[in-house]
Protein backbone atom coordinates (compact mmCIF):
# COMPACT_ATOMS: atom_id res chain seq x y z
CA MET A 1 -59.01 12.71 -12.87
CA LYS A 2 -60.28 11.57 -9.49
CA LYS A 3 -57.74 11.75 -6.66
CA LYS A 4 -59.43 9.35 -4.25
CA TYR A 5 -61.36 6.11 -4.72
CA ASN A 6 -63.23 3.88 -2.29
CA VAL A 7 -63.14 0.42 -3.83
CA ILE A 8 -63.95 -3.17 -2.88
CA GLY A 9 -61.33 -5.64 -4.09
CA LEU A 10 -62.27 -9.32 -4.41
CA MET A 11 -59.75 -12.17 -4.49
CA SER A 12 -60.05 -15.96 -4.63
CA GLY A 13 -56.78 -17.86 -4.89
CA THR A 14 -55.60 -21.32 -5.89
CA SER A 15 -55.50 -22.46 -2.25
CA LEU A 16 -59.34 -22.45 -2.31
CA ASP A 17 -59.63 -21.20 1.26
CA GLY A 18 -62.38 -18.72 0.42
CA LEU A 19 -63.20 -15.26 -0.86
CA ASP A 20 -61.33 -12.21 0.43
CA LEU A 21 -63.13 -8.84 0.35
CA VAL A 22 -61.27 -5.63 1.15
CA TYR A 23 -62.77 -2.15 1.29
CA CYS A 24 -60.01 0.38 0.85
CA GLU A 25 -59.36 4.03 0.19
CA ILE A 26 -56.69 4.64 -2.44
CA LYS A 27 -55.36 8.15 -3.00
CA GLN A 28 -53.40 9.41 -5.96
CA ASN A 29 -50.75 12.13 -5.79
CA ASP A 30 -49.24 12.72 -9.23
CA ASN A 31 -47.87 9.24 -10.09
CA SER A 32 -47.69 7.93 -6.53
CA TYR A 33 -50.43 6.10 -4.65
CA SER A 34 -51.22 5.52 -1.00
CA TYR A 35 -53.80 3.25 0.57
CA GLU A 36 -55.76 2.61 3.73
CA ILE A 37 -57.56 -0.68 4.38
CA LEU A 38 -60.85 0.30 6.03
CA ASN A 39 -62.83 -2.97 6.23
CA THR A 40 -62.16 -6.60 5.43
CA LYS A 41 -64.09 -9.84 5.33
CA SER A 42 -63.30 -13.45 4.46
CA VAL A 43 -66.02 -15.84 3.35
CA GLU A 44 -65.12 -19.52 3.63
CA TYR A 45 -66.35 -21.71 0.80
CA THR A 46 -68.93 -24.35 1.59
CA PRO A 47 -67.74 -27.92 0.84
CA ASP A 48 -69.94 -27.93 -2.29
CA MET A 49 -68.59 -24.61 -3.56
CA LYS A 50 -65.03 -25.73 -2.88
CA ASP A 51 -65.59 -28.97 -4.82
CA ASN A 52 -67.20 -27.07 -7.70
CA LEU A 53 -64.24 -24.71 -7.99
CA LYS A 54 -61.67 -27.47 -7.55
CA ASN A 55 -63.26 -29.69 -10.20
CA ALA A 56 -64.12 -26.89 -12.64
CA ILE A 57 -61.16 -27.93 -14.77
CA HIS A 58 -63.01 -31.16 -15.64
CA LEU A 59 -66.33 -29.53 -16.61
CA SER A 60 -67.75 -29.37 -20.12
CA ALA A 61 -67.73 -25.93 -21.71
CA LEU A 62 -71.50 -25.57 -21.13
CA ASP A 63 -71.24 -26.49 -17.44
CA LEU A 64 -68.24 -24.19 -16.99
CA PHE A 65 -70.18 -21.25 -18.47
CA GLU A 66 -73.04 -22.03 -16.10
CA LEU A 67 -70.65 -22.09 -13.12
CA ASN A 68 -69.19 -18.77 -14.32
CA ASN A 69 -72.63 -17.17 -14.04
CA ILE A 70 -73.53 -18.84 -10.74
CA TYR A 71 -70.23 -17.83 -9.18
CA GLY A 72 -70.53 -14.27 -10.51
CA THR A 73 -73.96 -13.95 -8.89
CA TRP A 74 -72.57 -15.36 -5.63
CA LEU A 75 -69.70 -12.84 -5.68
CA GLY A 76 -72.22 -10.07 -6.18
CA GLU A 77 -74.37 -11.31 -3.31
CA GLN A 78 -71.36 -11.48 -0.97
CA SER A 79 -70.35 -7.96 -2.02
CA ARG A 80 -73.87 -6.64 -1.42
CA VAL A 81 -73.98 -8.18 2.07
CA PHE A 82 -70.55 -6.68 2.87
CA ILE A 83 -71.68 -3.24 1.71
CA GLN A 84 -74.90 -3.43 3.73
CA GLU A 85 -73.25 -4.81 6.87
CA GLU A 86 -70.59 -2.10 6.98
CA LYS A 87 -72.72 0.69 5.38
CA LEU A 88 -70.01 1.29 2.75
CA GLU A 89 -69.84 4.03 0.13
CA VAL A 90 -68.38 2.27 -2.91
CA ASP A 91 -67.17 3.71 -6.22
CA PHE A 92 -66.93 0.26 -7.81
CA ILE A 93 -65.97 -3.37 -7.22
CA SER A 94 -62.77 -4.81 -8.66
CA SER A 95 -62.75 -8.61 -8.93
CA HIS A 96 -60.03 -11.11 -9.76
CA GLY A 97 -62.51 -13.97 -10.06
CA HIS A 98 -61.34 -17.54 -9.60
CA THR A 99 -58.89 -19.11 -12.03
CA THR A 100 -60.12 -22.44 -13.38
CA HIS A 101 -57.88 -22.73 -16.46
CA HIS A 102 -54.44 -21.27 -17.10
CA GLN A 103 -52.50 -22.42 -20.17
CA PRO A 104 -50.91 -19.26 -21.61
CA LYS A 105 -48.86 -21.23 -24.16
CA LYS A 106 -52.21 -22.13 -25.76
CA GLY A 107 -53.48 -18.58 -25.32
CA ILE A 108 -55.89 -19.70 -22.58
CA THR A 109 -56.61 -18.20 -19.19
CA TYR A 110 -60.04 -18.21 -17.59
CA GLN A 111 -61.26 -16.66 -14.36
CA ILE A 112 -64.88 -17.45 -13.55
CA GLY A 113 -67.16 -14.93 -11.88
CA SER A 114 -69.24 -13.25 -14.61
CA GLY A 115 -68.78 -9.50 -14.36
CA GLN A 116 -72.33 -8.73 -15.50
CA HIS A 117 -73.89 -11.14 -13.01
CA LEU A 118 -71.66 -9.70 -10.28
CA ALA A 119 -72.67 -6.13 -11.17
CA ASN A 120 -76.38 -6.98 -11.30
CA ALA A 121 -76.33 -8.86 -7.98
CA SER A 122 -74.27 -6.21 -6.16
CA LYS A 123 -75.97 -3.23 -7.87
CA HIS A 124 -72.52 -1.66 -8.38
CA THR A 125 -70.14 -1.11 -11.29
CA VAL A 126 -67.64 -3.98 -11.62
CA ILE A 127 -64.21 -4.25 -13.23
CA ASN A 128 -62.84 -7.75 -13.79
CA ASP A 129 -61.14 -10.07 -16.31
CA PHE A 130 -57.64 -8.62 -15.88
CA ARG A 131 -55.70 -11.52 -17.44
CA THR A 132 -57.29 -12.23 -20.84
CA ASN A 133 -55.96 -9.20 -22.69
CA ASP A 134 -52.37 -9.84 -21.61
CA VAL A 135 -52.56 -13.45 -22.83
CA ALA A 136 -54.01 -12.17 -26.13
CA LEU A 137 -50.90 -9.96 -26.37
CA GLY A 138 -48.67 -13.02 -26.02
CA GLY A 139 -48.12 -12.72 -22.27
CA GLN A 140 -48.46 -15.14 -19.39
CA GLY A 141 -51.40 -13.22 -17.92
CA ALA A 142 -49.60 -13.63 -14.59
CA PRO A 143 -48.48 -12.56 -12.12
CA LEU A 144 -50.59 -9.39 -11.95
CA VAL A 145 -49.84 -8.25 -8.40
CA PRO A 146 -46.40 -6.71 -9.28
CA ILE A 147 -48.01 -3.49 -10.48
CA GLY A 148 -49.21 -3.03 -6.91
CA ASP A 149 -45.84 -4.05 -5.50
CA MET A 150 -44.27 -1.33 -7.63
CA LEU A 151 -46.78 1.41 -6.78
CA LEU A 152 -47.68 0.59 -3.15
CA PHE A 153 -44.77 -1.47 -1.72
CA ARG A 154 -41.72 -0.12 -3.52
CA GLU A 155 -39.66 0.27 -0.32
CA TYR A 156 -39.03 -3.51 -0.26
CA ASP A 157 -36.37 -5.12 -2.46
CA PHE A 158 -38.51 -8.23 -2.92
CA CYS A 159 -42.23 -8.93 -2.52
CA LEU A 160 -43.04 -12.61 -2.04
CA ASN A 161 -46.58 -13.94 -2.03
CA LEU A 162 -47.21 -17.38 -0.56
CA GLY A 163 -50.66 -18.41 -1.70
CA GLY A 164 -51.42 -21.70 -3.39
CA ILE A 165 -48.44 -20.80 -5.58
CA SER A 166 -45.34 -18.82 -4.58
CA ASN A 167 -44.56 -15.78 -6.70
CA ILE A 168 -41.94 -13.08 -6.39
CA SER A 169 -41.58 -9.50 -7.59
CA PHE A 170 -38.58 -7.15 -7.65
CA GLN A 171 -37.11 -4.17 -9.48
CA LYS A 172 -34.36 -4.82 -12.02
CA GLY A 173 -33.07 -1.56 -13.45
CA LYS A 174 -36.08 0.28 -14.85
CA ASP A 175 -38.20 -2.85 -15.12
CA ARG A 176 -40.37 -4.68 -12.64
CA ILE A 177 -39.69 -8.41 -12.87
CA ALA A 178 -42.00 -11.05 -11.42
CA TYR A 179 -42.92 -14.69 -11.95
CA ASP A 180 -44.32 -17.75 -10.25
CA ILE A 181 -41.48 -19.44 -8.38
CA GLY A 182 -43.43 -22.65 -7.90
CA LEU A 183 -45.22 -24.51 -5.14
CA ALA A 184 -46.55 -23.13 -1.86
CA ASN A 185 -49.79 -23.85 0.00
CA MET A 186 -51.22 -25.88 -2.88
CA ILE A 187 -49.02 -28.88 -2.08
CA LEU A 188 -49.23 -28.43 1.70
CA ASN A 189 -53.03 -28.31 1.70
CA TYR A 190 -53.21 -31.27 -0.68
CA ILE A 191 -51.19 -33.34 1.79
CA THR A 192 -53.21 -32.31 4.87
CA GLN A 193 -56.47 -33.11 3.08
CA LYS A 194 -55.37 -36.75 3.12
CA ILE A 195 -56.12 -36.68 6.87
CA ASN A 196 -59.16 -34.41 6.53
CA LEU A 197 -57.36 -31.26 7.67
CA THR A 198 -57.86 -28.07 5.67
CA TYR A 199 -54.32 -26.90 6.41
CA ASP A 200 -51.36 -27.41 8.77
CA LYS A 201 -51.81 -24.65 11.36
CA ASN A 202 -48.50 -22.85 12.03
CA GLY A 203 -46.75 -25.70 10.19
CA ASP A 204 -46.82 -27.73 13.41
CA LEU A 205 -47.21 -31.09 11.68
CA ALA A 206 -44.45 -30.24 9.21
CA ARG A 207 -42.17 -29.21 12.06
CA SER A 208 -42.59 -32.65 13.65
CA GLY A 209 -41.54 -34.47 10.46
CA LYS A 210 -38.27 -35.32 8.73
CA ILE A 211 -36.95 -34.91 5.20
CA ASN A 212 -37.76 -37.56 2.62
CA GLU A 213 -34.71 -37.14 0.40
CA ILE A 214 -36.21 -38.98 -2.58
CA LEU A 215 -39.34 -36.82 -2.58
CA LEU A 216 -37.27 -33.66 -2.13
CA GLU A 217 -35.12 -34.51 -5.14
CA LYS A 218 -38.15 -35.28 -7.32
CA LEU A 219 -39.76 -31.97 -6.44
CA ASN A 220 -36.55 -29.98 -6.88
CA THR A 221 -35.95 -31.46 -10.33
CA LEU A 222 -39.35 -30.56 -11.76
CA GLU A 223 -38.85 -29.18 -15.26
CA TYR A 224 -40.64 -25.91 -14.48
CA TYR A 225 -37.83 -24.76 -12.19
CA LYS A 226 -35.38 -24.81 -15.09
CA LEU A 227 -37.46 -22.46 -17.25
CA PRO A 228 -36.47 -18.78 -17.56
CA TYR A 229 -38.98 -16.08 -16.67
CA PRO A 230 -41.51 -14.84 -17.68
CA LYS A 231 -43.31 -17.95 -16.50
CA SER A 232 -46.40 -18.94 -14.57
CA ILE A 233 -48.23 -22.06 -13.45
CA GLY A 234 -51.78 -23.05 -12.62
CA TYR A 235 -53.75 -25.92 -11.13
CA GLU A 236 -53.37 -27.97 -14.32
CA TRP A 237 -49.60 -28.09 -13.83
CA PHE A 238 -50.02 -29.14 -10.20
CA LEU A 239 -52.50 -31.84 -11.21
CA LYS A 240 -50.25 -33.26 -13.91
CA GLU A 241 -46.73 -32.82 -12.53
CA VAL A 242 -46.94 -32.74 -8.73
CA ILE A 243 -49.86 -34.84 -7.49
CA PRO A 244 -48.51 -38.07 -9.06
CA ILE A 245 -45.17 -37.56 -7.24
CA VAL A 246 -46.87 -36.98 -3.89
CA ASP A 247 -49.32 -39.87 -4.30
CA LYS A 248 -46.55 -42.35 -5.16
CA THR A 249 -44.50 -41.40 -2.09
CA GLU A 250 -45.18 -43.70 0.85
CA ASP A 251 -44.38 -41.80 4.04
CA THR A 252 -46.05 -40.18 7.04
CA ILE A 253 -48.03 -36.97 6.65
CA PRO A 254 -45.58 -35.01 8.88
CA ASN A 255 -42.65 -36.19 6.72
CA LEU A 256 -44.44 -35.29 3.49
CA LEU A 257 -45.26 -31.83 4.85
CA HIS A 258 -41.76 -31.28 6.23
CA THR A 259 -40.24 -32.19 2.86
CA ALA A 260 -42.67 -29.97 0.96
CA VAL A 261 -41.81 -26.99 3.21
CA ARG A 262 -38.08 -27.60 2.68
CA HIS A 263 -38.66 -27.72 -1.07
CA ILE A 264 -40.68 -24.49 -1.10
CA CYS A 265 -37.98 -22.69 0.92
CA GLU A 266 -35.12 -24.02 -1.21
CA GLN A 267 -36.72 -22.78 -4.42
CA ILE A 268 -37.49 -19.35 -2.94
CA THR A 269 -33.93 -19.06 -1.63
CA ILE A 270 -32.46 -19.82 -5.05
CA GLN A 271 -34.49 -17.03 -6.67
CA VAL A 272 -33.71 -14.42 -4.00
CA LYS A 273 -29.97 -15.18 -4.05
CA ASN A 274 -29.88 -15.15 -7.85
CA ASN A 275 -31.49 -11.73 -8.04
CA THR A 276 -29.79 -9.66 -5.38
CA ASN A 277 -26.47 -7.88 -5.34
CA LYS A 278 -26.99 -6.26 -1.96
CA LYS A 279 -25.57 -7.55 1.30
CA ASN A 280 -28.91 -7.60 3.05
CA SER A 281 -32.09 -7.18 1.01
CA SER A 282 -35.59 -6.69 2.44
CA LEU A 283 -38.15 -9.38 1.62
CA LEU A 284 -41.84 -8.65 2.29
CA ILE A 285 -43.91 -11.84 2.66
CA THR A 286 -47.69 -11.94 2.37
CA GLY A 287 -50.31 -14.59 1.63
CA GLY A 288 -51.41 -17.48 3.83
CA GLY A 289 -47.94 -19.01 3.85
CA ALA A 290 -46.67 -16.06 5.89
CA LEU A 291 -48.69 -17.48 8.81
CA ASN A 292 -46.86 -20.83 8.58
CA THR A 293 -44.28 -20.20 11.31
CA PHE A 294 -42.30 -23.35 10.51
CA LEU A 295 -41.94 -22.32 6.86
CA ILE A 296 -40.89 -18.80 7.86
CA ASP A 297 -38.35 -20.18 10.37
CA ILE A 298 -36.78 -22.36 7.67
CA LEU A 299 -36.73 -19.49 5.18
CA LYS A 300 -35.02 -17.19 7.70
CA LYS A 301 -32.25 -19.77 8.17
CA GLU A 302 -31.87 -20.25 4.41
CA LEU A 303 -31.69 -16.51 3.76
CA GLN A 304 -29.60 -15.38 6.71
CA ASN A 305 -26.97 -12.84 5.57
CA THR A 306 -28.90 -12.49 2.27
CA ALA A 307 -32.29 -11.01 3.11
CA THR A 308 -34.23 -9.71 6.09
CA ILE A 309 -37.74 -11.13 6.14
CA VAL A 310 -40.53 -8.65 6.86
CA ILE A 311 -43.89 -10.02 7.98
CA PRO A 312 -46.53 -7.25 7.94
CA SER A 313 -49.82 -7.08 9.85
CA LYS A 314 -52.21 -10.03 9.57
CA THR A 315 -54.57 -7.79 7.60
CA GLU A 316 -51.92 -7.06 4.95
CA ILE A 317 -50.82 -10.71 4.92
CA GLU A 318 -54.33 -11.88 4.11
CA PHE A 319 -55.69 -9.01 2.01
CA LYS A 320 -52.74 -7.59 0.03
CA GLU A 321 -53.81 -9.32 -3.19
CA ALA A 322 -57.41 -8.11 -2.91
CA LEU A 323 -56.05 -4.60 -2.21
CA ILE A 324 -53.92 -4.70 -5.36
CA PHE A 325 -56.85 -5.82 -7.50
CA ALA A 326 -58.71 -2.77 -6.17
CA LEU A 327 -55.75 -0.67 -7.38
CA MET A 328 -55.78 -2.44 -10.76
CA GLY A 329 -59.42 -1.48 -11.16
CA ILE A 330 -58.57 2.17 -10.48
CA LEU A 331 -55.78 2.07 -13.05
CA LYS A 332 -58.18 0.58 -15.60
CA LYS A 333 -60.75 3.26 -14.80
CA GLU A 334 -58.05 5.91 -15.39
CA ASN A 335 -56.89 4.14 -18.58
CA LYS A 336 -53.42 3.68 -17.06
CA ILE A 337 -51.08 0.72 -17.32
CA ASN A 338 -52.00 -2.05 -14.89
CA VAL A 339 -50.30 -5.09 -16.47
CA LEU A 340 -46.55 -4.99 -17.06
CA SER A 341 -44.99 -6.66 -20.10
CA SER A 342 -41.66 -6.90 -18.23
CA VAL A 343 -43.48 -9.30 -15.90
CA THR A 344 -45.69 -11.25 -18.28
CA GLY A 345 -43.65 -11.24 -21.50
CA ALA A 346 -46.50 -9.66 -23.51
CA LYS A 347 -45.84 -7.52 -26.58
CA ARG A 348 -46.53 -4.37 -24.58
CA ASN A 349 -47.84 -2.98 -21.32
CA SER A 350 -51.61 -2.76 -21.16
CA SER A 351 -54.56 -1.30 -19.30
CA SER A 352 -56.50 -4.51 -18.87
CA GLY A 353 -59.90 -5.37 -17.48
CA ILE A 354 -63.54 -5.05 -18.55
CA ILE A 355 -66.06 -2.65 -16.99
CA TYR A 356 -69.63 -3.82 -16.32
CA TYR A 357 -72.52 -1.65 -15.22
CA PRO A 358 -75.47 -2.98 -13.19
CA GLN A 359 -78.69 -3.49 -15.15
């Protein structure tokens, strides 16, 4: 059993801000793991690529399969450039892909980025498709990051990721529990795109706005928030349940953003308070939302006397998910558990993912 791996982790999230590549060294000591992030790179999507990924949900099956292959080749090309630029020694590449469809109740989850095309283009072994097996076992196929929270970030009571979606992870007795809380950058970026802004830097626009009470109530009463975990959401849910509410609300962009931030923070606060029995828990926050200073300010006020918010380095904020997918690839390679049934609701834990070799 190898004690040290040098792996590239690839991550593309629902916020569609681009591809994250992390080159890391992960060491194993008995059943504990440590990591060092050695190199990172972010590749912003071109407008065409962004549109293709955003609209993939509407494609025919044939066109979706074609995009799967094209995107897999592109991932491989980006990986190859990264390796050549930094002169990296790589054991393998571990890729999340990009989620286009996620309907676990129907047994469907699909992350494009063909593993074989990726392997051929990068000329390296690839491990990907970490969600399908869990869904086949009756699970949500999400969230997957909690295995990394448990093995690499166990010192924190809660791990919160603020990507397109907000999800939380924590220990409950012997089990790791995690689920998608609900909205995060997905709604904020959707609102800013109405004025041709990719995102609201530092939450400055949101900070200048005021609460729209009607919008806040509509968001807070979404049916998803009443469901027990395990649970997860995808772009389809956002498209069907959230966009109509936002589009029917006539108000200024700052007010819409301010209200959305308040909503995000209220839902996070409910989940943290419901799942702690300590006087002051530690809450690690990563993902793009951790850079939204207005959102973090509101969350600190909401959680005062309940949890201390920990914001790590910018590198960990932006690349923690890619790092954990690198770890998941290692666990697959070692035939160890990398998807937790306590998180997803599957029949059992599993060692998920598919290994592809370059041809």
